[in-house]
Amino acid sequence: AFTSHIIINRIAENEGIHYPTPEQ
C-alpha cells in the first residue's frame, strides 16, 4: 500500500497499475 495519493494516481494514469492506500 502507498501512502501518497498523488503517486497512486500518477501510477494508475501512466502505468495502469492500481496501488491501494493503507485504508483501502
PDBML (XML) file of the C-alpha atoms, coordinates in Angstrom:
<?xml version="1.0" encoding="UTF-8" ?>
<PDBx:datablock datablockName="MODEL"
   xmlns:PDBx="http://pdbml.pdb.org/schema/pdbx-v50.xsd"
   xmlns:xsi="http://www.w3.org/2001/XMLSchema-instance"
   xsi:schemaLocation="http://pdbml.pdb.org/schema/pdbx-v50.xsd pdbx-v50.xsd">
   <PDBx:atom_siteCategory>
      <PDBx:atom_site id="1">
         <PDBx:B_iso_or_equiv>0.00</PDBx:B_iso_or_equiv>
         <PDBx:Cartn_x>0.000</PDBx:Cartn_x>
         <PDBx:Cartn_y>0.000</PDBx:Cartn_y>
         <PDBx:Cartn_z>0.000</PDBx:Cartn_z>
         <PDBx:auth_asym_id>A</PDBx:auth_asym_id>
         <PDBx:auth_atom_id>CA</PDBx:auth_atom_id>
         <PDBx:auth_comp_id>ALA</PDBx:auth_comp_id>
         <PDBx:auth_seq_id>1</PDBx:auth_seq_id>
         <PDBx:group_PDB>ATOM</PDBx:group_PDB>
         <PDBx:label_alt_id xsi:nil="true" />
         <PDBx:label_asym_id>A</PDBx:label_asym_id>
         <PDBx:label_atom_id>CA</PDBx:label_atom_id>
         <PDBx:label_comp_id>ALA</PDBx:label_comp_id>
         <PDBx:label_entity_id>1</PDBx:label_entity_id>
         <PDBx:label_seq_id>1</PDBx:label_seq_id>
         <PDBx:occupancy>1.00</PDBx:occupancy>
         <PDBx:pdbx_PDB_model_num>1</PDBx:pdbx_PDB_model_num>
         <PDBx:type_symbol>C</PDBx:type_symbol>
      </PDBx:atom_site>
      <PDBx:atom_site id="2">
         <PDBx:B_iso_or_equiv>0.00</PDBx:B_iso_or_equiv>
         <PDBx:Cartn_x>1.211</PDBx:Cartn_x>
         <PDBx:Cartn_y>3.517</PDBx:Cartn_y>
         <PDBx:Cartn_z>-0.805</PDBx:Cartn_z>
         <PDBx:auth_asym_id>A</PDBx:auth_asym_id>
         <PDBx:auth_atom_id>CA</PDBx:auth_atom_id>
         <PDBx:auth_comp_id>PHE</PDBx:auth_comp_id>
         <PDBx:auth_seq_id>2</PDBx:auth_seq_id>
         <PDBx:group_PDB>ATOM</PDBx:group_PDB>
         <PDBx:label_alt_id xsi:nil="true" />
         <PDBx:label_asym_id>A</PDBx:label_asym_id>
         <PDBx:label_atom_id>CA</PDBx:label_atom_id>
         <PDBx:label_comp_id>PHE</PDBx:label_comp_id>
         <PDBx:label_entity_id>1</PDBx:label_entity_id>
         <PDBx:label_seq_id>2</PDBx:label_seq_id>
         <PDBx:occupancy>1.00</PDBx:occupancy>
         <PDBx:pdbx_PDB_model_num>1</PDBx:pdbx_PDB_model_num>
         <PDBx:type_symbol>C</PDBx:type_symbol>
      </PDBx:atom_site>
      <PDBx:atom_site id="3">
         <PDBx:B_iso_or_equiv>0.00</PDBx:B_iso_or_equiv>
         <PDBx:Cartn_x>0.533</PDBx:Cartn_x>
         <PDBx:Cartn_y>6.492</PDBx:Cartn_y>
         <PDBx:Cartn_z>1.432</PDBx:Cartn_z>
         <PDBx:auth_asym_id>A</PDBx:auth_asym_id>
         <PDBx:auth_atom_id>CA</PDBx:auth_atom_id>
         <PDBx:auth_comp_id>THR</PDBx:auth_comp_id>
         <PDBx:auth_seq_id>3</PDBx:auth_seq_id>
         <PDBx:group_PDB>ATOM</PDBx:group_PDB>
         <PDBx:label_alt_id xsi:nil="true" />
         <PDBx:label_asym_id>A</PDBx:label_asym_id>
         <PDBx:label_atom_id>CA</PDBx:label_atom_id>
         <PDBx:label_comp_id>THR</PDBx:label_comp_id>
         <PDBx:label_entity_id>1</PDBx:label_entity_id>
         <PDBx:label_seq_id>3</PDBx:label_seq_id>
         <PDBx:occupancy>1.00</PDBx:occupancy>
         <PDBx:pdbx_PDB_model_num>1</PDBx:pdbx_PDB_model_num>
         <PDBx:type_symbol>C</PDBx:type_symbol>
      </PDBx:atom_site>
      <PDBx:atom_site id="4">
         <PDBx:B_iso_or_equiv>0.00</PDBx:B_iso_or_equiv>
         <PDBx:Cartn_x>0.971</PDBx:Cartn_x>
         <PDBx:Cartn_y>9.132</PDBx:Cartn_y>
         <PDBx:Cartn_z>-1.298</PDBx:Cartn_z>
         <PDBx:auth_asym_id>A</PDBx:auth_asym_id>
         <PDBx:auth_atom_id>CA</PDBx:auth_atom_id>
         <PDBx:auth_comp_id>SER</PDBx:auth_comp_id>
         <PDBx:auth_seq_id>4</PDBx:auth_seq_id>
         <PDBx:group_PDB>ATOM</PDBx:group_PDB>
         <PDBx:label_alt_id xsi:nil="true" />
         <PDBx:label_asym_id>A</PDBx:label_asym_id>
         <PDBx:label_atom_id>CA</PDBx:label_atom_id>
         <PDBx:label_comp_id>SER</PDBx:label_comp_id>
         <PDBx:label_entity_id>1</PDBx:label_entity_id>
         <PDBx:label_seq_id>4</PDBx:label_seq_id>
         <PDBx:occupancy>1.00</PDBx:occupancy>
         <PDBx:pdbx_PDB_model_num>1</PDBx:pdbx_PDB_model_num>
         <PDBx:type_symbol>C</PDBx:type_symbol>
      </PDBx:atom_site>
      <PDBx:atom_site id="5">
         <PDBx:B_iso_or_equiv>0.00</PDBx:B_iso_or_equiv>
         <PDBx:Cartn_x>-2.329</PDBx:Cartn_x>
         <PDBx:Cartn_y>9.656</PDBx:Cartn_y>
         <PDBx:Cartn_z>-3.109</PDBx:Cartn_z>
         <PDBx:auth_asym_id>A</PDBx:auth_asym_id>
         <PDBx:auth_atom_id>CA</PDBx:auth_atom_id>
         <PDBx:auth_comp_id>HIS</PDBx:auth_comp_id>
         <PDBx:auth_seq_id>5</PDBx:auth_seq_id>
         <PDBx:group_PDB>ATOM</PDBx:group_PDB>
         <PDBx:label_alt_id xsi:nil="true" />
         <PDBx:label_asym_id>A</PDBx:label_asym_id>
         <PDBx:label_atom_id>CA</PDBx:label_atom_id>
         <PDBx:label_comp_id>HIS</PDBx:label_comp_id>
         <PDBx:label_entity_id>1</PDBx:label_entity_id>
         <PDBx:label_seq_id>5</PDBx:label_seq_id>
         <PDBx:occupancy>1.00</PDBx:occupancy>
         <PDBx:pdbx_PDB_model_num>1</PDBx:pdbx_PDB_model_num>
         <PDBx:type_symbol>C</PDBx:type_symbol>
      </PDBx:atom_site>
      <PDBx:atom_site id="6">
         <PDBx:B_iso_or_equiv>0.00</PDBx:B_iso_or_equiv>
         <PDBx:Cartn_x>-0.577</PDBx:Cartn_x>
         <PDBx:Cartn_y>11.714</PDBx:Cartn_y>
         <PDBx:Cartn_z>-5.788</PDBx:Cartn_z>
         <PDBx:auth_asym_id>A</PDBx:auth_asym_id>
         <PDBx:auth_atom_id>CA</PDBx:auth_atom_id>
         <PDBx:auth_comp_id>ILE</PDBx:auth_comp_id>
         <PDBx:auth_seq_id>6</PDBx:auth_seq_id>
         <PDBx:group_PDB>ATOM</PDBx:group_PDB>
         <PDBx:label_alt_id xsi:nil="true" />
         <PDBx:label_asym_id>A</PDBx:label_asym_id>
         <PDBx:label_atom_id>CA</PDBx:label_atom_id>
         <PDBx:label_comp_id>ILE</PDBx:label_comp_id>
         <PDBx:label_entity_id>1</PDBx:label_entity_id>
         <PDBx:label_seq_id>6</PDBx:label_seq_id>
         <PDBx:occupancy>1.00</PDBx:occupancy>
         <PDBx:pdbx_PDB_model_num>1</PDBx:pdbx_PDB_model_num>
         <PDBx:type_symbol>C</PDBx:type_symbol>
      </PDBx:atom_site>
      <PDBx:atom_site id="7">
         <PDBx:B_iso_or_equiv>0.00</PDBx:B_iso_or_equiv>
         <PDBx:Cartn_x>1.828</PDBx:Cartn_x>
         <PDBx:Cartn_y>8.885</PDBx:Cartn_y>
         <PDBx:Cartn_z>-6.579</PDBx:Cartn_z>
         <PDBx:auth_asym_id>A</PDBx:auth_asym_id>
         <PDBx:auth_atom_id>CA</PDBx:auth_atom_id>
         <PDBx:auth_comp_id>ILE</PDBx:auth_comp_id>
         <PDBx:auth_seq_id>7</PDBx:auth_seq_id>
         <PDBx:group_PDB>ATOM</PDBx:group_PDB>
         <PDBx:label_alt_id xsi:nil="true" />
         <PDBx:label_asym_id>A</PDBx:label_asym_id>
         <PDBx:label_atom_id>CA</PDBx:label_atom_id>
         <PDBx:label_comp_id>ILE</PDBx:label_comp_id>
         <PDBx:label_entity_id>1</PDBx:label_entity_id>
         <PDBx:label_seq_id>7</PDBx:label_seq_id>
         <PDBx:occupancy>1.00</PDBx:occupancy>
         <PDBx:pdbx_PDB_model_num>1</PDBx:pdbx_PDB_model_num>
         <PDBx:type_symbol>C</PDBx:type_symbol>
      </PDBx:atom_site>
      <PDBx:atom_site id="8">
         <PDBx:B_iso_or_equiv>0.00</PDBx:B_iso_or_equiv>
         <PDBx:Cartn_x>-1.013</PDBx:Cartn_x>
         <PDBx:Cartn_y>6.353</PDBx:Cartn_y>
         <PDBx:Cartn_z>-6.610</PDBx:Cartn_z>
         <PDBx:auth_asym_id>A</PDBx:auth_asym_id>
         <PDBx:auth_atom_id>CA</PDBx:auth_atom_id>
         <PDBx:auth_comp_id>ILE</PDBx:auth_comp_id>
         <PDBx:auth_seq_id>8</PDBx:auth_seq_id>
         <PDBx:group_PDB>ATOM</PDBx:group_PDB>
         <PDBx:label_alt_id xsi:nil="true" />
         <PDBx:label_asym_id>A</PDBx:label_asym_id>
         <PDBx:label_atom_id>CA</PDBx:label_atom_id>
         <PDBx:label_comp_id>ILE</PDBx:label_comp_id>
         <PDBx:label_entity_id>1</PDBx:label_entity_id>
         <PDBx:label_seq_id>8</PDBx:label_seq_id>
         <PDBx:occupancy>1.00</PDBx:occupancy>
         <PDBx:pdbx_PDB_model_num>1</PDBx:pdbx_PDB_model_num>
         <PDBx:type_symbol>C</PDBx:type_symbol>
      </PDBx:atom_site>
      <PDBx:atom_site id="9">
         <PDBx:B_iso_or_equiv>0.00</PDBx:B_iso_or_equiv>
         <PDBx:Cartn_x>-2.936</PDBx:Cartn_x>
         <PDBx:Cartn_y>8.460</PDBx:Cartn_y>
         <PDBx:Cartn_z>-9.122</PDBx:Cartn_z>
         <PDBx:auth_asym_id>A</PDBx:auth_asym_id>
         <PDBx:auth_atom_id>CA</PDBx:auth_atom_id>
         <PDBx:auth_comp_id>ASN</PDBx:auth_comp_id>
         <PDBx:auth_seq_id>9</PDBx:auth_seq_id>
         <PDBx:group_PDB>ATOM</PDBx:group_PDB>
         <PDBx:label_alt_id xsi:nil="true" />
         <PDBx:label_asym_id>A</PDBx:label_asym_id>
         <PDBx:label_atom_id>CA</PDBx:label_atom_id>
         <PDBx:label_comp_id>ASN</PDBx:label_comp_id>
         <PDBx:label_entity_id>1</PDBx:label_entity_id>
         <PDBx:label_seq_id>9</PDBx:label_seq_id>
         <PDBx:occupancy>1.00</PDBx:occupancy>
         <PDBx:pdbx_PDB_model_num>1</PDBx:pdbx_PDB_model_num>
         <PDBx:type_symbol>C</PDBx:type_symbol>
      </PDBx:atom_site>
      <PDBx:atom_site id="10">
         <PDBx:B_iso_or_equiv>0.00</PDBx:B_iso_or_equiv>
         <PDBx:Cartn_x>0.074</PDBx:Cartn_x>
         <PDBx:Cartn_y>9.055</PDBx:Cartn_y>
         <PDBx:Cartn_z>-11.376</PDBx:Cartn_z>
         <PDBx:auth_asym_id>A</PDBx:auth_asym_id>
         <PDBx:auth_atom_id>CA</PDBx:auth_atom_id>
         <PDBx:auth_comp_id>ARG</PDBx:auth_comp_id>
         <PDBx:auth_seq_id>10</PDBx:auth_seq_id>
         <PDBx:group_PDB>ATOM</PDBx:group_PDB>
         <PDBx:label_alt_id xsi:nil="true" />
         <PDBx:label_asym_id>A</PDBx:label_asym_id>
         <PDBx:label_atom_id>CA</PDBx:label_atom_id>
         <PDBx:label_comp_id>ARG</PDBx:label_comp_id>
         <PDBx:label_entity_id>1</PDBx:label_entity_id>
         <PDBx:label_seq_id>10</PDBx:label_seq_id>
         <PDBx:occupancy>1.00</PDBx:occupancy>
         <PDBx:pdbx_PDB_model_num>1</PDBx:pdbx_PDB_model_num>
         <PDBx:type_symbol>C</PDBx:type_symbol>
      </PDBx:atom_site>
      <PDBx:atom_site id="11">
         <PDBx:B_iso_or_equiv>0.00</PDBx:B_iso_or_equiv>
         <PDBx:Cartn_x>0.988</PDBx:Cartn_x>
         <PDBx:Cartn_y>5.372</PDBx:Cartn_y>
         <PDBx:Cartn_z>-11.471</PDBx:Cartn_z>
         <PDBx:auth_asym_id>A</PDBx:auth_asym_id>
         <PDBx:auth_atom_id>CA</PDBx:auth_atom_id>
         <PDBx:auth_comp_id>ILE</PDBx:auth_comp_id>
         <PDBx:auth_seq_id>11</PDBx:auth_seq_id>
         <PDBx:group_PDB>ATOM</PDBx:group_PDB>
         <PDBx:label_alt_id xsi:nil="true" />
         <PDBx:label_asym_id>A</PDBx:label_asym_id>
         <PDBx:label_atom_id>CA</PDBx:label_atom_id>
         <PDBx:label_comp_id>ILE</PDBx:label_comp_id>
         <PDBx:label_entity_id>1</PDBx:label_entity_id>
         <PDBx:label_seq_id>11</PDBx:label_seq_id>
         <PDBx:occupancy>1.00</PDBx:occupancy>
         <PDBx:pdbx_PDB_model_num>1</PDBx:pdbx_PDB_model_num>
         <PDBx:type_symbol>C</PDBx:type_symbol>
      </PDBx:atom_site>
      <PDBx:atom_site id="12">
         <PDBx:B_iso_or_equiv>0.00</PDBx:B_iso_or_equiv>
         <PDBx:Cartn_x>-2.612</PDBx:Cartn_x>
         <PDBx:Cartn_y>4.494</PDBx:Cartn_y>
         <PDBx:Cartn_z>-12.330</PDBx:Cartn_z>
         <PDBx:auth_asym_id>A</PDBx:auth_asym_id>
         <PDBx:auth_atom_id>CA</PDBx:auth_atom_id>
         <PDBx:auth_comp_id>ALA</PDBx:auth_comp_id>
         <PDBx:auth_seq_id>12</PDBx:auth_seq_id>
         <PDBx:group_PDB>ATOM</PDBx:group_PDB>
         <PDBx:label_alt_id xsi:nil="true" />
         <PDBx:label_asym_id>A</PDBx:label_asym_id>
         <PDBx:label_atom_id>CA</PDBx:label_atom_id>
         <PDBx:label_comp_id>ALA</PDBx:label_comp_id>
         <PDBx:label_entity_id>1</PDBx:label_entity_id>
         <PDBx:label_seq_id>12</PDBx:label_seq_id>
         <PDBx:occupancy>1.00</PDBx:occupancy>
         <PDBx:pdbx_PDB_model_num>1</PDBx:pdbx_PDB_model_num>
         <PDBx:type_symbol>C</PDBx:type_symbol>
      </PDBx:atom_site>
      <PDBx:atom_site id="13">
         <PDBx:B_iso_or_equiv>0.00</PDBx:B_iso_or_equiv>
         <PDBx:Cartn_x>-2.688</PDBx:Cartn_x>
         <PDBx:Cartn_y>7.074</PDBx:Cartn_y>
         <PDBx:Cartn_z>-15.126</PDBx:Cartn_z>
         <PDBx:auth_asym_id>A</PDBx:auth_asym_id>
         <PDBx:auth_atom_id>CA</PDBx:auth_atom_id>
         <PDBx:auth_comp_id>GLU</PDBx:auth_comp_id>
         <PDBx:auth_seq_id>13</PDBx:auth_seq_id>
         <PDBx:group_PDB>ATOM</PDBx:group_PDB>
         <PDBx:label_alt_id xsi:nil="true" />
         <PDBx:label_asym_id>A</PDBx:label_asym_id>
         <PDBx:label_atom_id>CA</PDBx:label_atom_id>
         <PDBx:label_comp_id>GLU</PDBx:label_comp_id>
         <PDBx:label_entity_id>1</PDBx:label_entity_id>
         <PDBx:label_seq_id>13</PDBx:label_seq_id>
         <PDBx:occupancy>1.00</PDBx:occupancy>
         <PDBx:pdbx_PDB_model_num>1</PDBx:pdbx_PDB_model_num>
         <PDBx:type_symbol>C</PDBx:type_symbol>
      </PDBx:atom_site>
      <PDBx:atom_site id="14">
         <PDBx:B_iso_or_equiv>0.00</PDBx:B_iso_or_equiv>
         <PDBx:Cartn_x>0.722</PDBx:Cartn_x>
         <PDBx:Cartn_y>6.273</PDBx:Cartn_y>
         <PDBx:Cartn_z>-16.603</PDBx:Cartn_z>
         <PDBx:auth_asym_id>A</PDBx:auth_asym_id>
         <PDBx:auth_atom_id>CA</PDBx:auth_atom_id>
         <PDBx:auth_comp_id>ASN</PDBx:auth_comp_id>
         <PDBx:auth_seq_id>14</PDBx:auth_seq_id>
         <PDBx:group_PDB>ATOM</PDBx:group_PDB>
         <PDBx:label_alt_id xsi:nil="true" />
         <PDBx:label_asym_id>A</PDBx:label_asym_id>
         <PDBx:label_atom_id>CA</PDBx:label_atom_id>
         <PDBx:label_comp_id>ASN</PDBx:label_comp_id>
         <PDBx:label_entity_id>1</PDBx:label_entity_id>
         <PDBx:label_seq_id>14</PDBx:label_seq_id>
         <PDBx:occupancy>1.00</PDBx:occupancy>
         <PDBx:pdbx_PDB_model_num>1</PDBx:pdbx_PDB_model_num>
         <PDBx:type_symbol>C</PDBx:type_symbol>
      </PDBx:atom_site>
      <PDBx:atom_site id="15">
         <PDBx:B_iso_or_equiv>0.00</PDBx:B_iso_or_equiv>
         <PDBx:Cartn_x>1.053</PDBx:Cartn_x>
         <PDBx:Cartn_y>2.541</PDBx:Cartn_y>
         <PDBx:Cartn_z>-15.970</PDBx:Cartn_z>
         <PDBx:auth_asym_id>A</PDBx:auth_asym_id>
         <PDBx:auth_atom_id>CA</PDBx:auth_atom_id>
         <PDBx:auth_comp_id>GLU</PDBx:auth_comp_id>
         <PDBx:auth_seq_id>15</PDBx:auth_seq_id>
         <PDBx:group_PDB>ATOM</PDBx:group_PDB>
         <PDBx:label_alt_id xsi:nil="true" />
         <PDBx:label_asym_id>A</PDBx:label_asym_id>
         <PDBx:label_atom_id>CA</PDBx:label_atom_id>
         <PDBx:label_comp_id>GLU</PDBx:label_comp_id>
         <PDBx:label_entity_id>1</PDBx:label_entity_id>
         <PDBx:label_seq_id>15</PDBx:label_seq_id>
         <PDBx:occupancy>1.00</PDBx:occupancy>
         <PDBx:pdbx_PDB_model_num>1</PDBx:pdbx_PDB_model_num>
         <PDBx:type_symbol>C</PDBx:type_symbol>
      </PDBx:atom_site>
      <PDBx:atom_site id="16">
         <PDBx:B_iso_or_equiv>0.00</PDBx:B_iso_or_equiv>
         <PDBx:Cartn_x>-2.458</PDBx:Cartn_x>
         <PDBx:Cartn_y>1.258</PDBx:Cartn_y>
         <PDBx:Cartn_z>-15.386</PDBx:Cartn_z>
         <PDBx:auth_asym_id>A</PDBx:auth_asym_id>
         <PDBx:auth_atom_id>CA</PDBx:auth_atom_id>
         <PDBx:auth_comp_id>GLY</PDBx:auth_comp_id>
         <PDBx:auth_seq_id>16</PDBx:auth_seq_id>
         <PDBx:group_PDB>ATOM</PDBx:group_PDB>
         <PDBx:label_alt_id xsi:nil="true" />
         <PDBx:label_asym_id>A</PDBx:label_asym_id>
         <PDBx:label_atom_id>CA</PDBx:label_atom_id>
         <PDBx:label_comp_id>GLY</PDBx:label_comp_id>
         <PDBx:label_entity_id>1</PDBx:label_entity_id>
         <PDBx:label_seq_id>16</PDBx:label_seq_id>
         <PDBx:occupancy>1.00</PDBx:occupancy>
         <PDBx:pdbx_PDB_model_num>1</PDBx:pdbx_PDB_model_num>
         <PDBx:type_symbol>C</PDBx:type_symbol>
      </PDBx:atom_site>
      <PDBx:atom_site id="17">
         <PDBx:B_iso_or_equiv>0.00</PDBx:B_iso_or_equiv>
         <PDBx:Cartn_x>-1.348</PDBx:Cartn_x>
         <PDBx:Cartn_y>-0.206</PDBx:Cartn_y>
         <PDBx:Cartn_z>-12.050</PDBx:Cartn_z>
         <PDBx:auth_asym_id>A</PDBx:auth_asym_id>
         <PDBx:auth_atom_id>CA</PDBx:auth_atom_id>
         <PDBx:auth_comp_id>ILE</PDBx:auth_comp_id>
         <PDBx:auth_seq_id>17</PDBx:auth_seq_id>
         <PDBx:group_PDB>ATOM</PDBx:group_PDB>
         <PDBx:label_alt_id xsi:nil="true" />
         <PDBx:label_asym_id>A</PDBx:label_asym_id>
         <PDBx:label_atom_id>CA</PDBx:label_atom_id>
         <PDBx:label_comp_id>ILE</PDBx:label_comp_id>
         <PDBx:label_entity_id>1</PDBx:label_entity_id>
         <PDBx:label_seq_id>17</PDBx:label_seq_id>
         <PDBx:occupancy>1.00</PDBx:occupancy>
         <PDBx:pdbx_PDB_model_num>1</PDBx:pdbx_PDB_model_num>
         <PDBx:type_symbol>C</PDBx:type_symbol>
      </PDBx:atom_site>
      <PDBx:atom_site id="18">
         <PDBx:B_iso_or_equiv>0.00</PDBx:B_iso_or_equiv>
         <PDBx:Cartn_x>-3.577</PDBx:Cartn_x>
         <PDBx:Cartn_y>0.480</PDBx:Cartn_y>
         <PDBx:Cartn_z>-9.068</PDBx:Cartn_z>
         <PDBx:auth_asym_id>A</PDBx:auth_asym_id>
         <PDBx:auth_atom_id>CA</PDBx:auth_atom_id>
         <PDBx:auth_comp_id>HIS</PDBx:auth_comp_id>
         <PDBx:auth_seq_id>18</PDBx:auth_seq_id>
         <PDBx:group_PDB>ATOM</PDBx:group_PDB>
         <PDBx:label_alt_id xsi:nil="true" />
         <PDBx:label_asym_id>A</PDBx:label_asym_id>
         <PDBx:label_atom_id>CA</PDBx:label_atom_id>
         <PDBx:label_comp_id>HIS</PDBx:label_comp_id>
         <PDBx:label_entity_id>1</PDBx:label_entity_id>
         <PDBx:label_seq_id>18</PDBx:label_seq_id>
         <PDBx:occupancy>1.00</PDBx:occupancy>
         <PDBx:pdbx_PDB_model_num>1</PDBx:pdbx_PDB_model_num>
         <PDBx:type_symbol>C</PDBx:type_symbol>
      </PDBx:atom_site>
      <PDBx:atom_site id="19">
         <PDBx:B_iso_or_equiv>0.00</PDBx:B_iso_or_equiv>
         <PDBx:Cartn_x>-1.898</PDBx:Cartn_x>
         <PDBx:Cartn_y>0.522</PDBx:Cartn_y>
         <PDBx:Cartn_z>-5.664</PDBx:Cartn_z>
         <PDBx:auth_asym_id>A</PDBx:auth_asym_id>
         <PDBx:auth_atom_id>CA</PDBx:auth_atom_id>
         <PDBx:auth_comp_id>TYR</PDBx:auth_comp_id>
         <PDBx:auth_seq_id>19</PDBx:auth_seq_id>
         <PDBx:group_PDB>ATOM</PDBx:group_PDB>
         <PDBx:label_alt_id xsi:nil="true" />
         <PDBx:label_asym_id>A</PDBx:label_asym_id>
         <PDBx:label_atom_id>CA</PDBx:label_atom_id>
         <PDBx:label_comp_id>TYR</PDBx:label_comp_id>
         <PDBx:label_entity_id>1</PDBx:label_entity_id>
         <PDBx:label_seq_id>19</PDBx:label_seq_id>
         <PDBx:occupancy>1.00</PDBx:occupancy>
         <PDBx:pdbx_PDB_model_num>1</PDBx:pdbx_PDB_model_num>
         <PDBx:type_symbol>C</PDBx:type_symbol>
      </PDBx:atom_site>
      <PDBx:atom_site id="20">
         <PDBx:B_iso_or_equiv>0.00</PDBx:B_iso_or_equiv>
         <PDBx:Cartn_x>-4.253</PDBx:Cartn_x>
         <PDBx:Cartn_y>0.870</PDBx:Cartn_y>
         <PDBx:Cartn_z>-2.697</PDBx:Cartn_z>
         <PDBx:auth_asym_id>A</PDBx:auth_asym_id>
         <PDBx:auth_atom_id>CA</PDBx:auth_atom_id>
         <PDBx:auth_comp_id>PRO</PDBx:auth_comp_id>
         <PDBx:auth_seq_id>20</PDBx:auth_seq_id>
         <PDBx:group_PDB>ATOM</PDBx:group_PDB>
         <PDBx:label_alt_id xsi:nil="true" />
         <PDBx:label_asym_id>A</PDBx:label_asym_id>
         <PDBx:label_atom_id>CA</PDBx:label_atom_id>
         <PDBx:label_comp_id>PRO</PDBx:label_comp_id>
         <PDBx:label_entity_id>1</PDBx:label_entity_id>
         <PDBx:label_seq_id>20</PDBx:label_seq_id>
         <PDBx:occupancy>1.00</PDBx:occupancy>
         <PDBx:pdbx_PDB_model_num>1</PDBx:pdbx_PDB_model_num>
         <PDBx:type_symbol>C</PDBx:type_symbol>
      </PDBx:atom_site>
      <PDBx:atom_site id="21">
         <PDBx:B_iso_or_equiv>0.00</PDBx:B_iso_or_equiv>
         <PDBx:Cartn_x>-3.875</PDBx:Cartn_x>
         <PDBx:Cartn_y>3.315</PDBx:Cartn_y>
         <PDBx:Cartn_z>0.154</PDBx:Cartn_z>
         <PDBx:auth_asym_id>A</PDBx:auth_asym_id>
         <PDBx:auth_atom_id>CA</PDBx:auth_atom_id>
         <PDBx:auth_comp_id>THR</PDBx:auth_comp_id>
         <PDBx:auth_seq_id>21</PDBx:auth_seq_id>
         <PDBx:group_PDB>ATOM</PDBx:group_PDB>
         <PDBx:label_alt_id xsi:nil="true" />
         <PDBx:label_asym_id>A</PDBx:label_asym_id>
         <PDBx:label_atom_id>CA</PDBx:label_atom_id>
         <PDBx:label_comp_id>THR</PDBx:label_comp_id>
         <PDBx:label_entity_id>1</PDBx:label_entity_id>
         <PDBx:label_seq_id>21</PDBx:label_seq_id>
         <PDBx:occupancy>1.00</PDBx:occupancy>
         <PDBx:pdbx_PDB_model_num>1</PDBx:pdbx_PDB_model_num>
         <PDBx:type_symbol>C</PDBx:type_symbol>
      </PDBx:atom_site>
      <PDBx:atom_site id="22">
         <PDBx:B_iso_or_equiv>0.00</PDBx:B_iso_or_equiv>
         <PDBx:Cartn_x>-3.427</PDBx:Cartn_x>
         <PDBx:Cartn_y>1.609</PDBx:Cartn_y>
         <PDBx:Cartn_z>3.539</PDBx:Cartn_z>
         <PDBx:auth_asym_id>A</PDBx:auth_asym_id>
         <PDBx:auth_atom_id>CA</PDBx:auth_atom_id>
         <PDBx:auth_comp_id>PRO</PDBx:auth_comp_id>
         <PDBx:auth_seq_id>22</PDBx:auth_seq_id>
         <PDBx:group_PDB>ATOM</PDBx:group_PDB>
         <PDBx:label_alt_id xsi:nil="true" />
         <PDBx:label_asym_id>A</PDBx:label_asym_id>
         <PDBx:label_atom_id>CA</PDBx:label_atom_id>
         <PDBx:label_comp_id>PRO</PDBx:label_comp_id>
         <PDBx:label_entity_id>1</PDBx:label_entity_id>
         <PDBx:label_seq_id>22</PDBx:label_seq_id>
         <PDBx:occupancy>1.00</PDBx:occupancy>
         <PDBx:pdbx_PDB_model_num>1</PDBx:pdbx_PDB_model_num>
         <PDBx:type_symbol>C</PDBx:type_symbol>
      </PDBx:atom_site>
      <PDBx:atom_site id="23">
         <PDBx:B_iso_or_equiv>0.00</PDBx:B_iso_or_equiv>
         <PDBx:Cartn_x>-7.070</PDBx:Cartn_x>
         <PDBx:Cartn_y>2.400</PDBx:Cartn_y>
         <PDBx:Cartn_z>4.282</PDBx:Cartn_z>
         <PDBx:auth_asym_id>A</PDBx:auth_asym_id>
         <PDBx:auth_atom_id>CA</PDBx:auth_atom_id>
         <PDBx:auth_comp_id>GLU</PDBx:auth_comp_id>
         <PDBx:auth_seq_id>23</PDBx:auth_seq_id>
         <PDBx:group_PDB>ATOM</PDBx:group_PDB>
         <PDBx:label_alt_id xsi:nil="true" />
         <PDBx:label_asym_id>A</PDBx:label_asym_id>
         <PDBx:label_atom_id>CA</PDBx:label_atom_id>
         <PDBx:label_comp_id>GLU</PDBx:label_comp_id>
         <PDBx:label_entity_id>1</PDBx:label_entity_id>
         <PDBx:label_seq_id>23</PDBx:label_seq_id>
         <PDBx:occupancy>1.00</PDBx:occupancy>
         <PDBx:pdbx_PDB_model_num>1</PDBx:pdbx_PDB_model_num>
         <PDBx:type_symbol>C</PDBx:type_symbol>
      </PDBx:atom_site>
      <PDBx:atom_site id="24">
         <PDBx:B_iso_or_equiv>0.00</PDBx:B_iso_or_equiv>
         <PDBx:Cartn_x>-8.214</PDBx:Cartn_x>
         <PDBx:Cartn_y>0.748</PDBx:Cartn_y>
         <PDBx:Cartn_z>1.053</PDBx:Cartn_z>
         <PDBx:auth_asym_id>A</PDBx:auth_asym_id>
         <PDBx:auth_atom_id>CA</PDBx:auth_atom_id>
         <PDBx:auth_comp_id>GLN</PDBx:auth_comp_id>
         <PDBx:auth_seq_id>24</PDBx:auth_seq_id>
         <PDBx:group_PDB>ATOM</PDBx:group_PDB>
         <PDBx:label_alt_id xsi:nil="true" />
         <PDBx:label_asym_id>A</PDBx:label_asym_id>
         <PDBx:label_atom_id>CA</PDBx:label_atom_id>
         <PDBx:label_comp_id>GLN</PDBx:label_comp_id>
         <PDBx:label_entity_id>1</PDBx:label_entity_id>
         <PDBx:label_seq_id>24</PDBx:label_seq_id>
         <PDBx:occupancy>1.00</PDBx:occupancy>
         <PDBx:pdbx_PDB_model_num>1</PDBx:pdbx_PDB_model_num>
         <PDBx:type_symbol>C</PDBx:type_symbol>
      </PDBx:atom_site>
   </PDBx:atom_siteCategory>
</PDBx:datablock>
